[in-house]
């Protein structure tokens, strides 16, 4: 029921935004004759756009929520839902206090796609009372990206079932 209310709200807002404008994105057909969703794409794109609008953010809401969920154990330094940037503060595992990690997550698209996500992980180790930058395995970054994508798919599927 909430999904229908959100879709109704999105339809109302999109109808107001288009008053007096003529834009190709409001077209209901592609050149090959396929009917498009109300946001100029497929029905899946329309539902995703409605979800993003409901969440009030400028990037894919599933990727945003999944990113926050995945790094929830790390303190946040900043989070910009319109720019799609999440920056954690340094986190040290209590079992290894001589090393710490920091992440920066970029959400690059409003669609739920693997290439819409970029994760950077930074590592420092303590030597002689100073924090020194250290290399991070590329696999660590890929593992975090995969965890975020998996969580985003779970969120999307749970939304579809409701």
Protein backbone atom coordinates (compact mmCIF):
# COMPACT_ATOMS: atom_id res chain seq x y z
CA UNK A 1 0.00 0.00 0.00
CA UNK A 2 2.86 2.36 0.85
CA UNK A 3 4.40 1.68 -2.57
CA UNK A 4 1.17 2.79 -4.28
CA UNK A 5 1.08 5.94 -2.19
CA UNK A 6 4.70 6.71 -3.08
CA UNK A 7 4.03 6.05 -6.77
CA UNK A 8 0.97 8.30 -6.61
CA UNK A 9 3.02 11.06 -5.02
CA UNK A 10 5.74 10.64 -7.65
CA UNK A 11 3.14 10.81 -10.43
CA UNK A 12 1.64 13.97 -8.96
CA UNK A 13 5.03 15.65 -8.65
CA UNK A 14 6.15 14.62 -12.11
CA UNK A 15 2.92 15.94 -13.60
CA UNK A 16 3.50 19.33 -11.97
CA UNK A 17 7.13 19.48 -13.05
CA UNK A 18 6.25 19.01 -16.69
CA UNK A 19 3.66 21.79 -16.95
CA UNK A 20 4.45 24.12 -19.80
CA UNK A 21 7.53 22.15 -20.86
CA UNK A 22 8.02 19.93 -23.82
CA UNK A 23 10.87 17.51 -23.27
CA UNK A 24 11.82 14.29 -25.03
CA UNK A 25 12.07 12.52 -21.67
CA UNK A 26 8.29 12.86 -21.21
CA UNK A 27 7.64 10.91 -24.39
CA UNK A 28 5.64 7.73 -23.93
CA UNK A 29 7.21 5.80 -26.82
CA UNK A 30 10.70 4.99 -28.02
CA UNK A 31 11.55 5.20 -31.67
CA UNK A 32 11.15 1.43 -32.02
CA UNK A 33 7.56 1.66 -30.75
CA UNK A 34 8.03 0.14 -27.29
CA UNK A 35 5.96 1.73 -24.57
CA UNK A 36 8.07 3.31 -21.84
CA UNK A 37 7.38 3.79 -18.16
CA UNK A 38 6.33 7.18 -16.80
CA UNK A 39 9.95 8.22 -16.19
CA UNK A 40 11.07 7.51 -19.76
CA UNK A 41 12.35 3.97 -19.11
CA UNK A 42 11.05 0.54 -18.29
CA UNK A 43 8.63 -0.19 -15.45
CA UNK A 44 11.62 -1.28 -13.34
CA UNK A 45 13.25 2.10 -13.95
CA UNK A 46 10.00 3.84 -13.02
CA UNK A 47 9.75 1.94 -9.74
CA UNK A 48 13.40 2.62 -8.92
CA UNK A 49 12.96 6.33 -9.68
CA UNK A 50 9.87 6.44 -7.46
CA UNK A 51 11.81 4.75 -4.67
CA UNK A 52 14.68 7.23 -5.01
CA UNK A 53 12.23 10.13 -5.01
CA UNK A 54 10.49 8.75 -1.92
CA UNK A 55 13.83 8.38 -0.15
CA UNK A 56 14.71 12.00 -1.03
CA UNK A 57 18.20 11.33 -2.35
CA UNK A 58 19.96 11.98 -5.65
CA UNK A 59 21.45 8.51 -6.16
CA UNK A 60 20.17 4.94 -6.14
CA UNK A 61 18.47 4.49 -2.78
CA UNK A 62 19.21 0.75 -2.62
CA UNK A 63 22.93 1.31 -3.13
CA UNK A 64 22.87 4.17 -0.63
CA UNK A 65 21.15 2.15 2.11
CA UNK A 66 23.26 -0.94 1.38
CA UNK A 67 26.46 1.11 1.60
CA UNK A 68 25.48 2.53 4.97
CA UNK A 69 24.45 -0.92 6.21
CA UNK A 70 27.69 -2.55 5.04
CA UNK A 71 30.02 -0.09 6.74
CA UNK A 72 27.77 0.52 9.76
CA UNK A 73 30.53 -0.75 12.09
CA UNK A 74 32.74 2.18 11.02
CA UNK A 75 32.16 5.73 12.29
CA UNK A 76 30.92 8.11 9.58
CA UNK A 77 32.88 11.23 8.74
CA UNK A 78 30.43 12.54 6.13
CA UNK A 79 27.57 11.36 3.94
CA UNK A 80 26.18 13.31 0.99
CA UNK A 81 23.00 11.67 -0.36
CA UNK A 82 22.75 14.08 -3.30
CA UNK A 83 26.35 13.70 -4.42
CA UNK A 84 26.46 10.00 -3.56
CA UNK A 85 29.58 10.13 -1.39
CA UNK A 86 30.00 8.34 1.94
CA UNK A 87 33.27 8.82 3.84
CA UNK A 88 33.97 6.87 6.97
CA UNK A 89 36.30 7.93 9.73
CA UNK A 90 39.25 5.74 10.71
CA UNK A 91 38.28 2.40 12.22
CA UNK A 92 40.64 0.15 14.18
CA UNK A 93 39.65 -3.42 14.93
CA UNK A 94 39.99 -3.88 18.72
CA UNK A 95 41.87 -7.13 18.06
CA UNK A 96 44.43 -5.32 15.87
CA UNK A 97 44.83 -1.82 17.33
CA UNK A 98 48.04 -1.18 15.35
CA UNK A 99 46.18 -0.92 12.03
CA UNK A 100 43.19 1.14 10.94
CA UNK A 101 41.00 1.51 7.87
CA UNK A 102 38.98 4.23 6.22
CA UNK A 103 36.56 3.93 3.29
CA UNK A 104 35.18 6.28 0.68
CA UNK A 105 32.16 5.07 -1.27
CA UNK A 106 31.00 6.75 -4.46
CA UNK A 107 27.56 6.00 -5.86
CA UNK A 108 27.73 7.15 -9.45
CA UNK A 109 24.25 6.48 -10.85
CA UNK A 110 20.58 6.47 -9.95
CA UNK A 111 20.23 2.92 -11.31
CA UNK A 112 21.06 -0.25 -9.40
CA UNK A 113 24.10 -1.38 -11.39
CA UNK A 114 27.47 -2.82 -10.44
CA UNK A 115 29.32 -0.05 -12.28
CA UNK A 116 27.38 2.57 -10.32
CA UNK A 117 29.52 1.85 -7.26
CA UNK A 118 33.14 2.65 -6.49
CA UNK A 119 34.77 1.83 -3.15
CA UNK A 120 38.18 3.08 -2.03
CA UNK A 121 39.76 1.60 1.10
CA UNK A 122 42.70 3.19 2.89
CA UNK A 123 44.88 1.49 5.46
CA UNK A 124 47.41 2.77 7.96
CA UNK A 125 49.67 0.89 10.33
CA UNK A 126 51.22 2.25 13.47
CA UNK A 127 55.01 2.27 13.55
CA UNK A 128 56.95 4.07 16.25
CA UNK A 129 53.89 5.99 17.42
CA UNK A 130 53.15 7.30 13.90
CA UNK A 131 50.43 6.19 11.47
CA UNK A 132 52.00 5.18 8.15
CA UNK A 133 50.02 4.57 4.94
CA UNK A 134 49.97 0.92 3.86
CA UNK A 135 48.80 -0.94 0.78
CA UNK A 136 45.30 -2.41 0.71
CA UNK A 137 44.56 -5.52 -1.27
CA UNK A 138 42.41 -4.89 -4.35
CA UNK A 139 40.42 -7.92 -3.21
CA UNK A 140 39.41 -6.05 -0.02
CA UNK A 141 37.83 -3.28 -2.08
CA UNK A 142 36.09 -5.81 -4.33
CA UNK A 143 34.79 -7.73 -1.30
CA UNK A 144 33.25 -4.54 0.11
CA UNK A 145 31.72 -3.63 -3.26
CA UNK A 146 30.27 -7.13 -3.58
CA UNK A 147 28.86 -6.99 -0.04
CA UNK A 148 27.18 -3.66 -0.86
CA UNK A 149 25.76 -4.96 -4.15
CA UNK A 150 24.46 -8.11 -2.46
CA UNK A 151 22.77 -6.06 0.25
CA UNK A 152 21.29 -3.68 -2.36
CA UNK A 153 19.81 -6.63 -4.26
CA UNK A 154 18.32 -7.96 -1.00
CA UNK A 155 16.74 -4.58 -0.30
CA UNK A 156 15.37 -4.39 -3.84
CA UNK A 157 13.91 -7.90 -3.64
CA UNK A 158 12.29 -7.22 -0.29
CA UNK A 159 10.73 -4.09 -1.78
CA UNK A 160 9.40 -6.00 -4.81
CA UNK A 161 7.78 -8.64 -2.58
CA UNK A 162 5.89 -5.98 -0.60
